[in-house]
mmCIF file of all heavy atoms, coordinates in Angstrom:
data_MODEL
# 
_entry.id   MODEL 
# 
loop_
_atom_site.group_PDB 
_atom_site.id 
_atom_site.type_symbol 
_atom_site.label_atom_id 
_atom_site.label_alt_id 
_atom_site.label_comp_id 
_atom_site.label_asym_id 
_atom_site.label_entity_id 
_atom_site.label_seq_id 
_atom_site.pdbx_PDB_ins_code 
_atom_site.Cartn_x 
_atom_site.Cartn_y 
_atom_site.Cartn_z 
_atom_site.occupancy 
_atom_site.B_iso_or_equiv 
_atom_site.pdbx_formal_charge 
_atom_site.auth_seq_id 
_atom_site.auth_comp_id 
_atom_site.auth_asym_id 
_atom_site.auth_atom_id 
_atom_site.pdbx_PDB_model_num 
ATOM 1   N N   . ASP A 1 1  ? 155.486 339.196 246.422 1.00 0.00 ? 1  ASP A N   1 
ATOM 2   C CA  . ASP A 1 1  ? 155.739 338.128 245.455 1.00 0.00 ? 1  ASP A CA  1 
ATOM 3   C C   . ASP A 1 1  ? 155.512 338.607 244.027 1.00 0.00 ? 1  ASP A C   1 
ATOM 4   O O   . ASP A 1 1  ? 156.210 338.166 243.096 1.00 0.00 ? 1  ASP A O   1 
ATOM 5   C CB  . ASP A 1 1  ? 154.855 336.921 245.757 1.00 0.00 ? 1  ASP A CB  1 
ATOM 6   C CG  . ASP A 1 1  ? 155.212 336.241 247.074 1.00 0.00 ? 1  ASP A CG  1 
ATOM 7   O OD1 . ASP A 1 1  ? 156.294 336.549 247.623 1.00 0.00 ? 1  ASP A OD1 1 
ATOM 8   O OD2 . ASP A 1 1  ? 154.406 335.421 247.557 1.00 0.00 ? 1  ASP A OD2 1 
ATOM 9   N N   . THR A 1 2  ? 154.562 339.517 243.842 1.00 0.00 ? 2  THR A N   1 
ATOM 10  C CA  . THR A 1 2  ? 154.304 340.066 242.509 1.00 0.00 ? 2  THR A CA  1 
ATOM 11  C C   . THR A 1 2  ? 155.481 340.906 242.042 1.00 0.00 ? 2  THR A C   1 
ATOM 12  O O   . THR A 1 2  ? 155.957 340.769 240.897 1.00 0.00 ? 2  THR A O   1 
ATOM 13  C CB  . THR A 1 2  ? 153.018 340.910 242.523 1.00 0.00 ? 2  THR A CB  1 
ATOM 14  O OG1 . THR A 1 2  ? 151.912 340.087 242.910 1.00 0.00 ? 2  THR A OG1 1 
ATOM 15  C CG2 . THR A 1 2  ? 152.738 341.497 241.151 1.00 0.00 ? 2  THR A CG2 1 
ATOM 16  N N   . ILE A 1 3  ? 155.970 341.790 242.922 1.00 0.00 ? 3  ILE A N   1 
ATOM 17  C CA  . ILE A 1 3  ? 157.139 342.610 242.565 1.00 0.00 ? 3  ILE A CA  1 
ATOM 18  C C   . ILE A 1 3  ? 158.336 341.726 242.272 1.00 0.00 ? 3  ILE A C   1 
ATOM 19  O O   . ILE A 1 3  ? 159.063 341.925 241.284 1.00 0.00 ? 3  ILE A O   1 
ATOM 20  C CB  . ILE A 1 3  ? 157.459 343.615 243.690 1.00 0.00 ? 3  ILE A CB  1 
ATOM 21  C CG1 . ILE A 1 3  ? 156.313 344.615 243.848 1.00 0.00 ? 3  ILE A CG1 1 
ATOM 22  C CG2 . ILE A 1 3  ? 158.766 344.331 243.420 1.00 0.00 ? 3  ILE A CG2 1 
ATOM 23  C CD1 . ILE A 1 3  ? 156.458 345.535 245.049 1.00 0.00 ? 3  ILE A CD1 1 
ATOM 24  N N   . ARG A 1 4  ? 158.554 340.736 243.122 1.00 0.00 ? 4  ARG A N   1 
ATOM 25  C CA  . ARG A 1 4  ? 159.700 339.838 242.929 1.00 0.00 ? 4  ARG A CA  1 
ATOM 26  C C   . ARG A 1 4  ? 159.628 339.127 241.585 1.00 0.00 ? 4  ARG A C   1 
ATOM 27  O O   . ARG A 1 4  ? 160.618 339.069 240.845 1.00 0.00 ? 4  ARG A O   1 
ATOM 28  C CB  . ARG A 1 4  ? 159.757 338.814 244.062 1.00 0.00 ? 4  ARG A CB  1 
ATOM 29  C CG  . ARG A 1 4  ? 160.900 337.807 243.933 1.00 0.00 ? 4  ARG A CG  1 
ATOM 30  C CD  . ARG A 1 4  ? 160.811 336.763 245.031 1.00 0.00 ? 4  ARG A CD  1 
ATOM 31  N NE  . ARG A 1 4  ? 161.062 337.349 246.333 1.00 0.00 ? 4  ARG A NE  1 
ATOM 32  C CZ  . ARG A 1 4  ? 160.485 336.941 247.469 1.00 0.00 ? 4  ARG A CZ  1 
ATOM 33  N NH1 . ARG A 1 4  ? 159.575 335.974 247.440 1.00 0.00 ? 4  ARG A NH1 1 
ATOM 34  N NH2 . ARG A 1 4  ? 160.794 337.509 248.612 1.00 0.00 ? 4  ARG A NH2 1 
ATOM 35  N N   . ALA A 1 5  ? 158.460 338.622 241.223 1.00 0.00 ? 5  ALA A N   1 
ATOM 36  C CA  . ALA A 1 5  ? 158.316 337.894 239.961 1.00 0.00 ? 5  ALA A CA  1 
ATOM 37  C C   . ALA A 1 5  ? 158.497 338.822 238.763 1.00 0.00 ? 5  ALA A C   1 
ATOM 38  O O   . ALA A 1 5  ? 159.187 338.482 237.793 1.00 0.00 ? 5  ALA A O   1 
ATOM 39  C CB  . ALA A 1 5  ? 156.952 337.206 239.908 1.00 0.00 ? 5  ALA A CB  1 
ATOM 40  N N   . ASP A 1 6  ? 157.883 340.005 238.815 1.00 0.00 ? 6  ASP A N   1 
ATOM 41  C CA  . ASP A 1 6  ? 157.925 340.915 237.668 1.00 0.00 ? 6  ASP A CA  1 
ATOM 42  C C   . ASP A 1 6  ? 159.332 341.471 237.437 1.00 0.00 ? 6  ASP A C   1 
ATOM 43  O O   . ASP A 1 6  ? 159.827 341.502 236.299 1.00 0.00 ? 6  ASP A O   1 
ATOM 44  C CB  . ASP A 1 6  ? 156.949 342.070 237.874 1.00 0.00 ? 6  ASP A CB  1 
ATOM 45  C CG  . ASP A 1 6  ? 155.501 341.631 237.852 1.00 0.00 ? 6  ASP A CG  1 
ATOM 46  O OD1 . ASP A 1 6  ? 155.210 340.535 237.343 1.00 0.00 ? 6  ASP A OD1 1 
ATOM 47  O OD2 . ASP A 1 6  ? 154.646 342.399 238.367 1.00 0.00 ? 6  ASP A OD2 1 
ATOM 48  N N   . VAL A 1 7  ? 159.976 341.940 238.495 1.00 0.00 ? 7  VAL A N   1 
ATOM 49  C CA  . VAL A 1 7  ? 161.300 342.537 238.333 1.00 0.00 ? 7  VAL A CA  1 
ATOM 50  C C   . VAL A 1 7  ? 162.321 341.453 237.991 1.00 0.00 ? 7  VAL A C   1 
ATOM 51  O O   . VAL A 1 7  ? 163.239 341.687 237.182 1.00 0.00 ? 7  VAL A O   1 
ATOM 52  C CB  . VAL A 1 7  ? 161.703 343.332 239.586 1.00 0.00 ? 7  VAL A CB  1 
ATOM 53  C CG1 . VAL A 1 7  ? 163.083 343.937 239.416 1.00 0.00 ? 7  VAL A CG1 1 
ATOM 54  C CG2 . VAL A 1 7  ? 160.681 344.430 239.877 1.00 0.00 ? 7  VAL A CG2 1 
ATOM 55  N N   . SER A 1 8  ? 162.166 340.264 238.561 1.00 0.00 ? 8  SER A N   1 
ATOM 56  C CA  . SER A 1 8  ? 163.065 339.159 238.201 1.00 0.00 ? 8  SER A CA  1 
ATOM 57  C C   . SER A 1 8  ? 162.981 338.859 236.714 1.00 0.00 ? 8  SER A C   1 
ATOM 58  O O   . SER A 1 8  ? 163.999 338.684 236.032 1.00 0.00 ? 8  SER A O   1 
ATOM 59  C CB  . SER A 1 8  ? 162.721 337.905 239.007 1.00 0.00 ? 8  SER A CB  1 
ATOM 60  O OG  . SER A 1 8  ? 162.955 338.088 240.381 1.00 0.00 ? 8  SER A OG  1 
ATOM 61  N N   . GLU A 1 9  ? 161.754 338.818 236.191 1.00 0.00 ? 9  GLU A N   1 
ATOM 62  C CA  . GLU A 1 9  ? 161.593 338.534 234.761 1.00 0.00 ? 9  GLU A CA  1 
ATOM 63  C C   . GLU A 1 9  ? 162.269 339.615 233.925 1.00 0.00 ? 9  GLU A C   1 
ATOM 64  O O   . GLU A 1 9  ? 162.920 339.315 232.907 1.00 0.00 ? 9  GLU A O   1 
ATOM 65  C CB  . GLU A 1 9  ? 160.098 338.454 234.419 1.00 0.00 ? 9  GLU A CB  1 
ATOM 66  C CG  . GLU A 1 9  ? 159.799 337.938 233.007 1.00 0.00 ? 9  GLU A CG  1 
ATOM 67  C CD  . GLU A 1 9  ? 160.028 338.971 231.926 1.00 0.00 ? 9  GLU A CD  1 
ATOM 68  O OE1 . GLU A 1 9  ? 159.775 340.176 232.172 1.00 0.00 ? 9  GLU A OE1 1 
ATOM 69  O OE2 . GLU A 1 9  ? 160.489 338.584 230.827 1.00 0.00 ? 9  GLU A OE2 1 
ATOM 70  N N   . ALA A 1 10 ? 162.147 340.873 234.339 1.00 0.00 ? 10 ALA A N   1 
ATOM 71  C CA  . ALA A 1 10 ? 162.708 341.976 233.558 1.00 0.00 ? 10 ALA A CA  1 
ATOM 72  C C   . ALA A 1 10 ? 164.230 341.961 233.559 1.00 0.00 ? 10 ALA A C   1 
ATOM 73  O O   . ALA A 1 10 ? 164.866 342.079 232.509 1.00 0.00 ? 10 ALA A O   1 
ATOM 74  C CB  . ALA A 1 10 ? 162.188 343.310 234.094 1.00 0.00 ? 10 ALA A CB  1 
ATOM 75  N N   . VAL A 1 11 ? 164.839 341.807 234.744 1.00 0.00 ? 11 VAL A N   1 
ATOM 76  C CA  . VAL A 1 11 ? 166.305 341.910 234.801 1.00 0.00 ? 11 VAL A CA  1 
ATOM 77  C C   . VAL A 1 11 ? 166.997 340.658 234.271 1.00 0.00 ? 11 VAL A C   1 
ATOM 78  O O   . VAL A 1 11 ? 168.151 340.720 233.831 1.00 0.00 ? 11 VAL A O   1 
ATOM 79  C CB  . VAL A 1 11 ? 166.804 342.238 236.223 1.00 0.00 ? 11 VAL A CB  1 
ATOM 80  C CG1 . VAL A 1 11 ? 166.228 343.564 236.696 1.00 0.00 ? 11 VAL A CG1 1 
ATOM 81  C CG2 . VAL A 1 11 ? 166.510 341.127 237.214 1.00 0.00 ? 11 VAL A CG2 1 
ATOM 82  N N   . TRP A 1 12 ? 166.291 339.513 234.288 1.00 0.00 ? 12 TRP A N   1 
ATOM 83  C CA  . TRP A 1 12 ? 166.895 338.281 233.775 1.00 0.00 ? 12 TRP A CA  1 
ATOM 84  C C   . TRP A 1 12 ? 166.375 337.936 232.382 1.00 0.00 ? 12 TRP A C   1 
ATOM 85  O O   . TRP A 1 12 ? 166.676 336.866 231.860 1.00 0.00 ? 12 TRP A O   1 
ATOM 86  C CB  . TRP A 1 12 ? 166.631 337.116 234.728 1.00 0.00 ? 12 TRP A CB  1 
ATOM 87  C CG  . TRP A 1 12 ? 167.386 337.249 236.010 1.00 0.00 ? 12 TRP A CG  1 
ATOM 88  C CD1 . TRP A 1 12 ? 166.921 337.731 237.190 1.00 0.00 ? 12 TRP A CD1 1 
ATOM 89  C CD2 . TRP A 1 12 ? 168.765 336.928 236.239 1.00 0.00 ? 12 TRP A CD2 1 
ATOM 90  N NE1 . TRP A 1 12 ? 167.910 337.725 238.141 1.00 0.00 ? 12 TRP A NE1 1 
ATOM 91  C CE2 . TRP A 1 12 ? 169.050 337.237 237.575 1.00 0.00 ? 12 TRP A CE2 1 
ATOM 92  C CE3 . TRP A 1 12 ? 169.771 336.407 235.425 1.00 0.00 ? 12 TRP A CE3 1 
ATOM 93  C CZ2 . TRP A 1 12 ? 170.311 337.045 238.132 1.00 0.00 ? 12 TRP A CZ2 1 
ATOM 94  C CZ3 . TRP A 1 12 ? 171.030 336.216 235.978 1.00 0.00 ? 12 TRP A CZ3 1 
ATOM 95  C CH2 . TRP A 1 12 ? 171.301 336.534 237.315 1.00 0.00 ? 12 TRP A CH2 1 
ATOM 96  N N   . ARG A 1 13 ? 165.630 338.839 231.757 1.00 0.00 ? 13 ARG A N   1 
ATOM 97  C CA  . ARG A 1 13 ? 165.102 338.571 230.422 1.00 0.00 ? 13 ARG A CA  1 
ATOM 98  C C   . ARG A 1 13 ? 166.254 338.309 229.441 1.00 0.00 ? 13 ARG A C   1 
ATOM 99  O O   . ARG A 1 13 ? 167.228 339.047 229.380 1.00 0.00 ? 13 ARG A O   1 
ATOM 100 C CB  . ARG A 1 13 ? 164.267 339.759 229.937 1.00 0.00 ? 13 ARG A CB  1 
ATOM 101 C CG  . ARG A 1 13 ? 163.459 339.475 228.667 1.00 0.00 ? 13 ARG A CG  1 
ATOM 102 C CD  . ARG A 1 13 ? 162.573 340.656 228.327 1.00 0.00 ? 13 ARG A CD  1 
ATOM 103 N NE  . ARG A 1 13 ? 161.613 340.939 229.408 1.00 0.00 ? 13 ARG A NE  1 
ATOM 104 C CZ  . ARG A 1 13 ? 160.853 342.028 229.445 1.00 0.00 ? 13 ARG A CZ  1 
ATOM 105 N NH1 . ARG A 1 13 ? 160.961 342.957 228.502 1.00 0.00 ? 13 ARG A NH1 1 
ATOM 106 N NH2 . ARG A 1 13 ? 160.001 342.201 230.449 1.00 0.00 ? 13 ARG A NH2 1 
ATOM 107 N N   . GLY A 1 14 ? 166.126 337.222 228.687 1.00 0.00 ? 14 GLY A N   1 
ATOM 108 C CA  . GLY A 1 14 ? 167.170 336.845 227.739 1.00 0.00 ? 14 GLY A CA  1 
ATOM 109 C C   . GLY A 1 14 ? 168.213 335.916 228.310 1.00 0.00 ? 14 GLY A C   1 
ATOM 110 O O   . GLY A 1 14 ? 169.087 335.445 227.571 1.00 0.00 ? 14 GLY A O   1 
ATOM 111 N N   . SER A 1 15 ? 168.153 335.625 229.613 1.00 0.00 ? 15 SER A N   1 
ATOM 112 C CA  . SER A 1 15 ? 169.135 334.751 230.243 1.00 0.00 ? 15 SER A CA  1 
ATOM 113 C C   . SER A 1 15 ? 168.686 333.294 230.169 1.00 0.00 ? 15 SER A C   1 
ATOM 114 O O   . SER A 1 15 ? 167.497 332.993 230.265 1.00 0.00 ? 15 SER A O   1 
ATOM 115 C CB  . SER A 1 15 ? 169.334 335.144 231.707 1.00 0.00 ? 15 SER A CB  1 
ATOM 116 O OG  . SER A 1 15 ? 170.124 334.201 232.392 1.00 0.00 ? 15 SER A OG  1 
ATOM 117 N N   . ASP A 1 16 ? 169.656 332.391 230.040 1.00 0.00 ? 16 ASP A N   1 
ATOM 118 C CA  . ASP A 1 16 ? 169.356 330.957 230.050 1.00 0.00 ? 16 ASP A CA  1 
ATOM 119 C C   . ASP A 1 16 ? 169.212 330.417 231.464 1.00 0.00 ? 16 ASP A C   1 
ATOM 120 O O   . ASP A 1 16 ? 168.747 329.294 231.654 1.00 0.00 ? 16 ASP A O   1 
ATOM 121 C CB  . ASP A 1 16 ? 170.454 330.180 229.319 1.00 0.00 ? 16 ASP A CB  1 
ATOM 122 C CG  . ASP A 1 16 ? 170.517 330.507 227.838 1.00 0.00 ? 16 ASP A CG  1 
ATOM 123 O OD1 . ASP A 1 16 ? 169.460 330.842 227.274 1.00 0.00 ? 16 ASP A OD1 1 
ATOM 124 O OD2 . ASP A 1 16 ? 171.619 330.451 227.263 1.00 0.00 ? 16 ASP A OD2 1 
ATOM 125 N N   . SER A 1 17 ? 169.631 331.193 232.456 1.00 0.00 ? 17 SER A N   1 
ATOM 126 C CA  . SER A 1 17 ? 169.566 330.725 233.849 1.00 0.00 ? 17 SER A CA  1 
ATOM 127 C C   . SER A 1 17 ? 169.034 331.842 234.746 1.00 0.00 ? 17 SER A C   1 
ATOM 128 O O   . SER A 1 17 ? 169.781 332.402 235.559 1.00 0.00 ? 17 SER A O   1 
ATOM 129 C CB  . SER A 1 17 ? 170.945 330.267 234.331 1.00 0.00 ? 17 SER A CB  1 
ATOM 130 O OG  . SER A 1 17 ? 171.913 331.289 234.117 1.00 0.00 ? 17 SER A OG  1 
ATOM 131 N N   . PRO A 1 18 ? 167.766 332.205 234.577 1.00 0.00 ? 18 PRO A N   1 
ATOM 132 C CA  . PRO A 1 18 ? 167.194 333.296 235.376 1.00 0.00 ? 18 PRO A CA  1 
ATOM 133 C C   . PRO A 1 18 ? 167.131 332.945 236.857 1.00 0.00 ? 18 PRO A C   1 
ATOM 134 O O   . PRO A 1 18 ? 167.023 331.776 237.231 1.00 0.00 ? 18 PRO A O   1 
ATOM 135 C CB  . PRO A 1 18 ? 165.796 333.471 234.782 1.00 0.00 ? 18 PRO A CB  1 
ATOM 136 C CG  . PRO A 1 18 ? 165.471 332.157 234.165 1.00 0.00 ? 18 PRO A CG  1 
ATOM 137 C CD  . PRO A 1 18 ? 166.774 331.613 233.660 1.00 0.00 ? 18 PRO A CD  1 
ATOM 138 N N   . ARG A 1 19 ? 167.218 333.967 237.692 1.00 0.00 ? 19 ARG A N   1 
ATOM 139 C CA  . ARG A 1 19 ? 167.109 333.812 239.134 1.00 0.00 ? 19 ARG A CA  1 
ATOM 140 C C   . ARG A 1 19 ? 166.093 334.818 239.648 1.00 0.00 ? 19 ARG A C   1 
ATOM 141 O O   . ARG A 1 19 ? 165.604 335.661 238.899 1.00 0.00 ? 19 ARG A O   1 
ATOM 142 C CB  . ARG A 1 19 ? 168.477 334.062 239.790 1.00 0.00 ? 19 ARG A CB  1 
ATOM 143 C CG  . ARG A 1 19 ? 169.507 333.003 239.449 1.00 0.00 ? 19 ARG A CG  1 
ATOM 144 C CD  . ARG A 1 19 ? 170.935 333.503 239.575 1.00 0.00 ? 19 ARG A CD  1 
ATOM 145 N NE  . ARG A 1 19 ? 171.190 334.270 240.792 1.00 0.00 ? 19 ARG A NE  1 
ATOM 146 C CZ  . ARG A 1 19 ? 172.338 334.940 241.001 1.00 0.00 ? 19 ARG A CZ  1 
ATOM 147 N NH1 . ARG A 1 19 ? 173.282 334.928 240.097 1.00 0.00 ? 19 ARG A NH1 1 
ATOM 148 N NH2 . ARG A 1 19 ? 172.508 335.617 242.123 1.00 0.00 ? 19 ARG A NH2 1 
ATOM 149 N N   . THR A 1 20 ? 165.788 334.726 240.910 1.00 0.00 ? 20 THR A N   1 
ATOM 150 C CA  . THR A 1 20 ? 164.873 335.692 241.516 1.00 0.00 ? 20 THR A CA  1 
ATOM 151 C C   . THR A 1 20 ? 165.658 336.757 242.256 1.00 0.00 ? 20 THR A C   1 
ATOM 152 O O   . THR A 1 20 ? 166.743 336.491 242.794 1.00 0.00 ? 20 THR A O   1 
ATOM 153 C CB  . THR A 1 20 ? 163.896 335.003 242.483 1.00 0.00 ? 20 THR A CB  1 
ATOM 154 O OG1 . THR A 1 20 ? 164.645 334.299 243.480 1.00 0.00 ? 20 THR A OG1 1 
ATOM 155 C CG2 . THR A 1 20 ? 162.995 334.028 241.747 1.00 0.00 ? 20 THR A CG2 1 
ATOM 156 N N   . ILE A 1 21 ? 165.118 337.945 242.287 1.00 0.00 ? 21 ILE A N   1 
ATOM 157 C CA  . ILE A 1 21 ? 165.732 339.040 243.024 1.00 0.00 ? 21 ILE A CA  1 
ATOM 158 C C   . ILE A 1 21 ? 165.218 339.032 244.461 1.00 0.00 ? 21 ILE A C   1 
ATOM 159 O O   . ILE A 1 21 ? 164.308 338.283 244.809 1.00 0.00 ? 21 ILE A O   1 
ATOM 160 C CB  . ILE A 1 21 ? 165.419 340.385 242.348 1.00 0.00 ? 21 ILE A CB  1 
ATOM 161 C CG1 . ILE A 1 21 ? 163.909 340.659 242.417 1.00 0.00 ? 21 ILE A CG1 1 
ATOM 162 C CG2 . ILE A 1 21 ? 165.899 340.395 240.906 1.00 0.00 ? 21 ILE A CG2 1 
ATOM 163 C CD1 . ILE A 1 21 ? 163.546 342.107 242.252 1.00 0.00 ? 21 ILE A CD1 1 
ATOM 164 N N   . GLY A 1 22 ? 165.796 339.894 245.287 1.00 0.00 ? 22 GLY A N   1 
ATOM 165 C CA  . GLY A 1 22 ? 165.336 340.008 246.663 1.00 0.00 ? 22 GLY A CA  1 
ATOM 166 C C   . GLY A 1 22 ? 164.390 341.180 246.825 1.00 0.00 ? 22 GLY A C   1 
ATOM 167 O O   . GLY A 1 22 ? 164.665 342.280 246.325 1.00 0.00 ? 22 GLY A O   1 
ATOM 168 N N   . VAL A 1 23 ? 163.275 340.964 247.512 1.00 0.00 ? 23 VAL A N   1 
ATOM 169 C CA  . VAL A 1 23 ? 162.316 342.036 247.794 1.00 0.00 ? 23 VAL A CA  1 
ATOM 170 C C   . VAL A 1 23 ? 161.891 341.936 249.254 1.00 0.00 ? 23 VAL A C   1 
ATOM 171 O O   . VAL A 1 23 ? 161.496 340.864 249.718 1.00 0.00 ? 23 VAL A O   1 
ATOM 172 C CB  . VAL A 1 23 ? 161.069 341.950 246.885 1.00 0.00 ? 23 VAL A CB  1 
ATOM 173 C CG1 . VAL A 1 23 ? 160.067 343.049 247.259 1.00 0.00 ? 23 VAL A CG1 1 
ATOM 174 C CG2 . VAL A 1 23 ? 161.452 342.053 245.416 1.00 0.00 ? 23 VAL A CG2 1 
ATOM 175 N N   . LYS A 1 24 ? 161.961 343.040 249.963 1.00 0.00 ? 24 LYS A N   1 
ATOM 176 C CA  . LYS A 1 24 ? 161.477 343.118 251.343 1.00 0.00 ? 24 LYS A CA  1 
ATOM 177 C C   . LYS A 1 24 ? 160.573 344.331 251.453 1.00 0.00 ? 24 LYS A C   1 
ATOM 178 O O   . LYS A 1 24 ? 160.974 345.447 251.093 1.00 0.00 ? 24 LYS A O   1 
ATOM 179 C CB  . LYS A 1 24 ? 162.648 343.248 252.324 1.00 0.00 ? 24 LYS A CB  1 
ATOM 180 C CG  . LYS A 1 24 ? 162.214 343.413 253.779 1.00 0.00 ? 24 LYS A CG  1 
ATOM 181 C CD  . LYS A 1 24 ? 163.421 343.654 254.681 1.00 0.00 ? 24 LYS A CD  1 
ATOM 182 C CE  . LYS A 1 24 ? 162.991 343.895 256.122 1.00 0.00 ? 24 LYS A CE  1 
ATOM 183 N NZ  . LYS A 1 24 ? 164.150 344.201 257.009 1.00 0.00 ? 24 LYS A NZ  1 
ATOM 184 N N   . LEU A 1 25 ? 159.358 344.125 251.919 1.00 0.00 ? 25 LEU A N   1 
ATOM 185 C CA  . LEU A 1 25 ? 158.435 345.227 252.172 1.00 0.00 ? 25 LEU A CA  1 
ATOM 186 C C   . LEU A 1 25 ? 158.392 345.523 253.668 1.00 0.00 ? 25 LEU A C   1 
ATOM 187 O O   . LEU A 1 25 ? 158.361 344.606 254.495 1.00 0.00 ? 25 LEU A O   1 
ATOM 188 C CB  . LEU A 1 25 ? 157.031 344.894 251.670 1.00 0.00 ? 25 LEU A CB  1 
ATOM 189 C CG  . LEU A 1 25 ? 156.862 344.735 250.151 1.00 0.00 ? 25 LEU A CG  1 
ATOM 190 C CD1 . LEU A 1 25 ? 155.405 344.463 249.811 1.00 0.00 ? 25 LEU A CD1 1 
ATOM 191 C CD2 . LEU A 1 25 ? 157.364 345.959 249.404 1.00 0.00 ? 25 LEU A CD2 1 
ATOM 192 N N   . VAL A 1 26 ? 158.384 346.803 253.998 1.00 0.00 ? 26 VAL A N   1 
ATOM 193 C CA  . VAL A 1 26 ? 158.360 347.243 255.396 1.00 0.00 ? 26 VAL A CA  1 
ATOM 194 C C   . VAL A 1 26 ? 157.088 348.053 255.612 1.00 0.00 ? 26 VAL A C   1 
ATOM 195 O O   . VAL A 1 26 ? 156.883 349.088 254.978 1.00 0.00 ? 26 VAL A O   1 
ATOM 196 C CB  . VAL A 1 26 ? 159.592 348.101 255.729 1.00 0.00 ? 26 VAL A CB  1 
ATOM 197 C CG1 . VAL A 1 26 ? 159.571 348.519 257.198 1.00 0.00 ? 26 VAL A CG1 1 
ATOM 198 C CG2 . VAL A 1 26 ? 160.886 347.354 255.393 1.00 0.00 ? 26 VAL A CG2 1 
ATOM 199 N N   . LEU A 1 27 ? 156.223 347.576 256.515 1.00 0.00 ? 27 LEU A N   1 
ATOM 200 C CA  . LEU A 1 27 ? 154.969 348.258 256.820 1.00 0.00 ? 27 LEU A CA  1 
ATOM 201 C C   . LEU A 1 27 ? 155.191 349.348 257.880 1.00 0.00 ? 27 LEU A C   1 
ATOM 202 O O   . LEU A 1 27 ? 156.202 349.343 258.592 1.00 0.00 ? 27 LEU A O   1 
ATOM 203 C CB  . LEU A 1 27 ? 153.933 347.247 257.304 1.00 0.00 ? 27 LEU A CB  1 
ATOM 204 C CG  . LEU A 1 27 ? 153.483 346.217 256.255 1.00 0.00 ? 27 LEU A CG  1 
ATOM 205 C CD1 . LEU A 1 27 ? 152.529 345.208 256.882 1.00 0.00 ? 27 LEU A CD1 1 
ATOM 206 C CD2 . LEU A 1 27 ? 152.822 346.918 255.068 1.00 0.00 ? 27 LEU A CD2 1 
ATOM 207 N N   . PRO A 1 28 ? 154.259 350.299 258.003 1.00 0.00 ? 28 PRO A N   1 
ATOM 208 C CA  . PRO A 1 28 ? 154.464 351.439 258.907 1.00 0.00 ? 28 PRO A CA  1 
ATOM 209 C C   . PRO A 1 28 ? 154.792 351.065 260.340 1.00 0.00 ? 28 PRO A C   1 
ATOM 210 O O   . PRO A 1 28 ? 155.552 351.785 261.012 1.00 0.00 ? 28 PRO A O   1 
ATOM 211 C CB  . PRO A 1 28 ? 153.129 352.196 258.825 1.00 0.00 ? 28 PRO A CB  1 
ATOM 212 C CG  . PRO A 1 28 ? 152.627 351.897 257.452 1.00 0.00 ? 28 PRO A CG  1 
ATOM 213 C CD  . PRO A 1 28 ? 153.024 350.471 257.198 1.00 0.00 ? 28 PRO A CD  1 
ATOM 214 N N   . GLU A 1 29 ? 154.233 349.958 260.834 1.00 0.00 ? 29 GLU A N   1 
ATOM 215 C CA  . GLU A 1 29 ? 154.525 349.597 262.219 1.00 0.00 ? 29 GLU A CA  1 
ATOM 216 C C   . GLU A 1 29 ? 155.989 349.232 262.439 1.00 0.00 ? 29 GLU A C   1 
ATOM 217 O O   . GLU A 1 29 ? 156.459 349.169 263.580 1.00 0.00 ? 29 GLU A O   1 
ATOM 218 C CB  . GLU A 1 29 ? 153.620 348.442 262.684 1.00 0.00 ? 29 GLU A CB  1 
ATOM 219 C CG  . GLU A 1 29 ? 153.650 347.219 261.789 1.00 0.00 ? 29 GLU A CG  1 
ATOM 220 C CD  . GLU A 1 29 ? 152.519 347.209 260.778 1.00 0.00 ? 29 GLU A CD  1 
ATOM 221 O OE1 . GLU A 1 29 ? 152.132 348.313 260.308 1.00 0.00 ? 29 GLU A OE1 1 
ATOM 222 O OE2 . GLU A 1 29 ? 152.021 346.121 260.467 1.00 0.00 ? 29 GLU A OE2 1 
# 
């Protein structure tokens, strides 16, 4: 959720209609 929020803010910075990006983490198992 932290990565999603931070990268979303960066790539949508300056936009009037920001959205969230997709993030999936995969653990070793």
